[in-house]
Protein backbone atom coordinates (compact mmCIF):
# COMPACT_ATOMS: atom_id res chain seq x y z
CA UNK A 1 89.53 106.02 79.11
CA UNK A 2 90.84 102.54 78.38
CA UNK A 3 94.42 103.81 78.67
CA UNK A 4 93.91 104.42 82.41
CA UNK A 5 94.16 100.68 83.03
CA UNK A 6 96.64 99.46 80.41
CA UNK A 7 99.87 99.48 82.45
CA UNK A 8 101.29 100.04 85.90
CA UNK A 9 102.69 103.36 84.71
CA UNK A 10 99.28 104.70 83.63
CA UNK A 11 97.73 103.44 86.87
CA UNK A 12 100.41 105.29 88.84
CA UNK A 13 100.06 108.50 86.83
CA UNK A 14 96.26 108.43 87.05
CA UNK A 15 96.48 107.85 90.81
CA UNK A 16 98.89 110.79 91.19
CA UNK A 17 96.65 113.08 89.14
CA UNK A 18 93.61 111.99 91.13
CA UNK A 19 95.47 112.55 94.40
CA UNK A 20 96.49 116.12 93.44
CA UNK A 21 92.96 116.83 92.24
CA UNK A 22 91.40 115.60 95.49
CA UNK A 23 93.73 117.81 97.53
CA UNK A 24 93.00 120.82 95.32
CA UNK A 25 89.21 120.41 95.37
CA UNK A 26 88.86 119.52 99.05
CA UNK A 27 91.34 122.01 100.47
CA UNK A 28 91.30 124.80 97.82
CA UNK A 29 95.07 125.01 98.28
CA UNK A 30 98.10 124.32 96.19
CA UNK A 31 98.49 120.52 96.62
CA UNK A 32 102.28 120.70 96.46
CA UNK A 33 102.32 123.08 99.42
CA UNK A 34 100.02 120.69 101.28
CA UNK A 35 102.43 117.84 100.61
CA UNK A 36 105.42 119.93 101.68
CA UNK A 37 103.74 120.96 104.95
CA UNK A 38 102.88 117.35 105.74
CA UNK A 39 106.48 116.23 105.23
CA UNK A 40 107.73 119.09 107.41
CA UNK A 41 105.11 118.16 109.99
CA UNK A 42 106.46 114.64 110.17
CA UNK A 43 109.98 116.01 110.50
CA UNK A 44 109.17 118.23 113.46
CA UNK A 45 106.61 116.12 115.36
CA UNK A 46 108.03 112.83 116.46
CA UNK A 47 104.86 111.32 117.89
CA UNK A 48 102.98 111.88 114.67
CA UNK A 49 105.90 110.38 112.70
CA UNK A 50 105.92 107.36 115.00
CA UNK A 51 102.21 106.77 114.39
CA UNK A 52 102.59 107.08 110.59
CA UNK A 53 105.52 104.63 110.61
CA UNK A 54 103.60 102.23 112.84
CA UNK A 55 100.62 102.36 110.50
CA UNK A 56 102.86 101.66 107.52
CA UNK A 57 104.34 98.73 109.45
CA UNK A 58 100.88 97.26 109.92
CA UNK A 59 100.22 97.65 106.19
CA UNK A 60 103.48 95.78 105.59
CA UNK A 61 102.12 92.97 107.77
CA UNK A 62 99.45 92.41 105.12
CA UNK A 63 102.21 91.79 102.58
CA UNK A 64 104.00 89.48 105.02
CA UNK A 65 100.74 87.60 105.48
CA UNK A 66 100.70 86.83 101.77
CA UNK A 67 104.25 85.50 102.01
CA UNK A 68 103.58 83.51 105.18
CA UNK A 69 100.32 81.96 104.02
CA UNK A 70 101.80 79.27 101.73
CA UNK A 71 103.92 77.97 104.61
CA UNK A 72 100.99 77.44 106.93
CA UNK A 73 99.28 74.06 107.00
CA UNK A 74 95.77 75.47 106.74
CA UNK A 75 93.95 72.87 104.66
CA UNK A 76 90.36 73.92 105.29
CA UNK A 77 88.74 76.07 102.63
CA UNK A 78 85.92 78.13 104.10
CA UNK A 79 84.61 79.26 100.72
CA UNK A 80 81.79 76.67 100.52
CA UNK A 81 80.44 77.80 103.90
CA UNK A 82 80.26 81.41 102.69
CA UNK A 83 79.16 80.52 99.17
CA UNK A 84 76.17 78.47 100.32
CA UNK A 85 74.44 81.74 101.22
CA UNK A 86 75.26 83.42 97.94
CA UNK A 87 72.87 81.61 95.57
CA UNK A 88 72.38 84.04 92.64
CA UNK A 89 72.85 87.44 94.27
CA UNK A 90 76.03 88.52 92.46
CA UNK A 91 75.15 86.91 89.08
CA UNK A 92 71.84 88.78 89.10
CA UNK A 93 73.61 92.07 89.88
CA UNK A 94 76.08 91.49 87.04
CA UNK A 95 73.31 90.55 84.57
CA UNK A 96 71.16 93.56 85.48
CA UNK A 97 73.91 96.19 85.34
CA UNK A 98 76.54 94.79 82.92
CA UNK A 99 77.86 97.73 80.96
CA UNK A 100 81.35 98.64 79.74
CA UNK A 101 81.21 102.21 81.02
CA UNK A 102 80.04 101.01 84.44
CA UNK A 103 82.88 98.51 84.54
CA UNK A 104 85.39 101.28 83.81
CA UNK A 105 83.86 103.52 86.47
CA UNK A 106 83.69 100.90 89.22
CA UNK A 107 87.23 99.72 88.45
CA UNK A 108 88.45 103.28 88.77
CA UNK A 109 86.81 103.59 92.21
CA UNK A 110 88.01 100.14 93.32
CA UNK A 111 91.62 100.34 92.10
CA UNK A 112 92.46 104.06 92.09
CA UNK A 113 90.12 106.29 94.08
CA UNK A 114 89.97 103.95 97.08
CA UNK A 115 93.75 104.07 97.53
CA UNK A 116 93.92 107.78 96.80
CA UNK A 117 91.33 108.64 99.45
CA UNK A 118 93.17 106.45 101.97
CA UNK A 119 96.38 108.33 101.31
CA UNK A 120 94.88 111.81 100.84
CA UNK A 121 93.13 111.67 104.22
CA UNK A 122 96.48 112.04 105.98
CA UNK A 123 97.30 115.23 104.10
CA UNK A 124 93.85 116.76 104.36
CA UNK A 125 93.45 116.29 108.12
CA UNK A 126 97.00 117.46 108.72
CA UNK A 127 96.50 120.54 106.57
CA UNK A 128 93.34 121.48 108.46
CA UNK A 129 94.95 120.70 111.83
CA UNK A 130 92.17 118.21 112.47
CA UNK A 131 94.35 115.93 114.52
CA UNK A 132 91.58 113.96 116.12
CA UNK A 133 90.52 112.78 112.65
CA UNK A 134 94.16 112.23 111.69
CA UNK A 135 94.84 109.95 114.64
CA UNK A 136 91.50 108.20 114.26
CA UNK A 137 92.48 107.46 110.68
CA UNK A 138 95.88 106.02 111.60
CA UNK A 139 94.42 103.85 114.36
CA UNK A 140 91.43 102.89 112.22
CA UNK A 141 93.61 101.61 109.38
CA UNK A 142 95.76 99.71 111.87
CA UNK A 143 92.87 98.03 113.66
CA UNK A 144 91.20 97.06 110.38
CA UNK A 145 94.29 95.21 109.24
CA UNK A 146 95.18 93.71 112.61
CA UNK A 147 91.67 92.26 113.01
CA UNK A 148 91.40 91.05 109.39
CA UNK A 149 94.77 89.31 109.00
CA UNK A 150 93.94 86.36 111.31
CA UNK A 151 90.90 85.59 109.16
CA UNK A 152 93.03 85.65 106.02
CA UNK A 153 95.58 83.31 107.59
CA UNK A 154 93.34 80.75 109.26
CA UNK A 155 89.89 81.10 107.61
CA UNK A 156 90.67 81.51 103.88
CA UNK A 157 87.76 82.34 101.59
CA UNK A 158 88.23 82.65 97.83
CA UNK A 159 86.83 85.53 95.80
CA UNK A 160 83.46 84.92 94.17
CA UNK A 161 84.62 84.73 90.54
CA UNK A 162 87.07 81.96 91.44
CA UNK A 163 84.40 79.74 93.00
CA UNK A 164 81.01 80.61 91.52
CA UNK A 165 80.44 79.30 87.95
CA UNK A 166 78.03 82.11 87.05
CA UNK A 167 80.17 85.04 88.20
CA UNK A 168 82.56 86.79 85.85
CA UNK A 169 85.60 88.69 87.08
CA UNK A 170 85.19 92.00 85.28
CA UNK A 171 88.28 93.98 86.31
CA UNK A 172 90.69 92.17 83.90
CA UNK A 173 88.40 93.10 80.99
CA UNK A 174 89.43 96.75 81.43
CA UNK A 175 92.64 96.30 83.47
CA UNK A 176 94.47 93.34 81.89
CA UNK A 177 97.45 93.61 84.24
CA UNK A 178 95.39 93.40 87.45
CA UNK A 179 96.40 89.87 88.41
CA UNK A 180 100.09 90.51 87.83
CA UNK A 181 100.25 93.95 89.48
CA UNK A 182 97.45 94.43 92.02
CA UNK A 183 97.32 90.84 93.20
CA UNK A 184 100.64 91.32 94.99
CA UNK A 185 98.76 93.35 97.59
CA UNK A 186 95.57 91.27 97.89
CA UNK A 187 95.47 87.48 98.08
CA UNK A 188 92.92 85.50 96.10
CA UNK A 189 91.68 83.82 99.29
CA UNK A 190 91.62 87.01 101.40
CA UNK A 191 87.97 87.68 100.68
CA UNK A 192 86.44 87.46 104.17
CA UNK A 193 86.06 90.05 105.59
CA UNK A 194 86.16 92.65 102.81
CA UNK A 195 88.81 95.23 103.59
CA UNK A 196 87.60 97.44 100.76
CA UNK A 197 84.28 97.56 102.61
CA UNK A 198 85.68 98.10 106.08
CA UNK A 199 88.30 100.67 105.10
CA UNK A 200 85.87 102.60 102.85
CA UNK A 201 83.38 102.84 105.70
CA UNK A 202 86.16 103.78 108.12
CA UNK A 203 87.27 106.58 105.79
CA UNK A 204 83.72 107.81 105.27
CA UNK A 205 82.77 107.88 108.97
CA UNK A 206 85.97 109.69 109.96
CA UNK A 207 85.52 112.16 107.09
CA UNK A 208 81.91 112.77 108.16
CA UNK A 209 83.10 113.70 111.63
CA UNK A 210 85.88 115.88 110.28
CA UNK A 211 85.65 119.57 109.47
CA UNK A 212 85.87 119.19 105.67
CA UNK A 213 82.39 118.78 104.15
CA UNK A 214 83.69 118.39 100.58
CA UNK A 215 85.95 115.52 101.58
CA UNK A 216 83.09 113.96 103.60
CA UNK A 217 80.77 114.00 100.58
CA UNK A 218 83.47 112.53 98.33
CA UNK A 219 84.01 109.66 100.77
CA UNK A 220 80.28 109.00 101.03
CA UNK A 221 80.09 108.79 97.23
CA UNK A 222 83.11 106.49 97.19
CA UNK A 223 81.79 104.06 99.80
CA UNK A 224 78.47 103.81 97.97
CA UNK A 225 80.14 103.01 94.64
CA UNK A 226 82.64 100.59 96.18
CA UNK A 227 79.97 98.59 98.06
CA UNK A 228 78.25 98.13 94.72
CA UNK A 229 81.48 97.57 92.82
CA UNK A 230 82.80 94.68 94.88
CA UNK A 231 79.66 92.72 94.04
CA UNK A 232 79.28 93.94 90.46
CA UNK A 233 82.94 93.29 89.59
CA UNK A 234 82.68 89.72 90.90
CA UNK A 235 85.11 90.05 93.81
CA UNK A 236 83.29 89.54 97.11
CA UNK A 237 80.40 87.55 98.55
CA UNK A 238 77.74 89.63 100.23
CA UNK A 239 78.68 88.02 103.56
CA UNK A 240 82.16 89.51 103.05
CA UNK A 241 80.48 92.92 102.95
CA UNK A 242 78.48 92.26 106.12
CA UNK A 243 81.68 91.12 107.87
CA UNK A 244 83.42 94.23 106.51
CA UNK A 245 80.74 96.47 108.01
CA UNK A 246 81.16 94.78 111.40
CA UNK A 247 84.95 95.07 111.11
CA UNK A 248 84.66 98.79 110.34
CA UNK A 249 82.35 99.34 113.31
CA UNK A 250 84.72 97.61 115.74
CA UNK A 251 87.80 99.32 114.28
CA UNK A 252 86.18 102.75 114.44
CA UNK A 253 85.18 102.23 118.06
CA UNK A 254 88.70 101.22 118.99
CA UNK A 255 90.22 104.01 116.90
CA UNK A 256 88.22 106.81 118.50
CA UNK A 257 89.04 105.38 121.89
CA UNK A 258 92.73 105.11 121.14
CA UNK A 259 93.11 108.48 119.44
CA UNK A 260 92.31 110.24 122.71
CA UNK A 261 95.41 108.78 124.33
CA UNK A 262 98.09 110.81 122.47
CA UNK A 263 95.84 113.84 122.10
CA UNK A 264 94.98 114.11 125.75
CA UNK A 265 91.77 115.54 127.18
CA UNK A 266 90.37 118.35 125.01
CA UNK A 267 90.05 121.80 126.50
CA UNK A 268 86.53 122.97 127.44
CA UNK A 269 84.67 124.81 124.74
CA UNK A 270 86.14 122.98 121.76
CA UNK A 271 83.75 121.31 119.36
CA UNK A 272 84.20 117.55 118.78
CA UNK A 273 85.71 118.32 115.37
CA UNK A 274 88.27 120.66 116.93
CA UNK A 275 89.28 118.56 119.90
CA UNK A 276 92.90 118.52 118.76
CA UNK A 277 93.86 122.18 118.80
CA UNK A 278 97.01 123.74 117.44
CA UNK A 279 98.33 124.02 121.00
CA UNK A 280 97.92 120.30 121.52
CA UNK A 281 99.66 119.67 118.21
CA UNK A 282 102.63 121.74 119.36
CA UNK A 283 102.87 119.55 122.43
CA UNK A 284 103.38 116.46 120.23
CA UNK A 285 106.96 117.36 119.39
């Protein structure tokens, strides 16, 4: 199992295998056909393509934030204000549960499965023609990032392991290249609010309201493990988690409001899960 985290190549291959497995288990279809149909769907439906591109653009803003941050004259470090509430919560969690196998498992959920579920959601909702969930996902991701980035720019908070003397950063013990590879997408002082928390909850809530029960259960399992993992692995303060829960709630509310705009008013008789019918989808082109 150690080989899963030894290089960027093994991380990529493990992510790809996990992605294909998730599609196969949740859809009971050939995952390569699912991928092909999604690409063709983007090709033929311009509004959907526009939303996917816009969402990717917002994700790019997170990378631009990391590049812009060193040029801003933000001298105040908000870590002490968050850390004063921490006391010994995370150290106690680490001491109680410290175990090599648990570290491997939580790192897998944090680094690989989290990203895979984020990506796989697009393909699963598209394959099942659950376009309300698909649009809610795109808007939800966008709102999470748009609302979080100002905090990262102007209210920087360092991760727990960097500031608390009794907290160990566990990910590098099983994924030595984490700081060199993964850190390019997540700044050291981008701890508050926790996007892993907010996005995991966003994915789980949307999946729960979707038509795919297998995918909903997988997301519920993931959010439970990740909420534990971000404390156990020594990444976030518990106030980051609370802020992440609030961020997810606000983003979900905005997402479900916004997703009705392109989809229009659902026809009478459709269940909430089937609000976006195949006829409405045809109208998106």
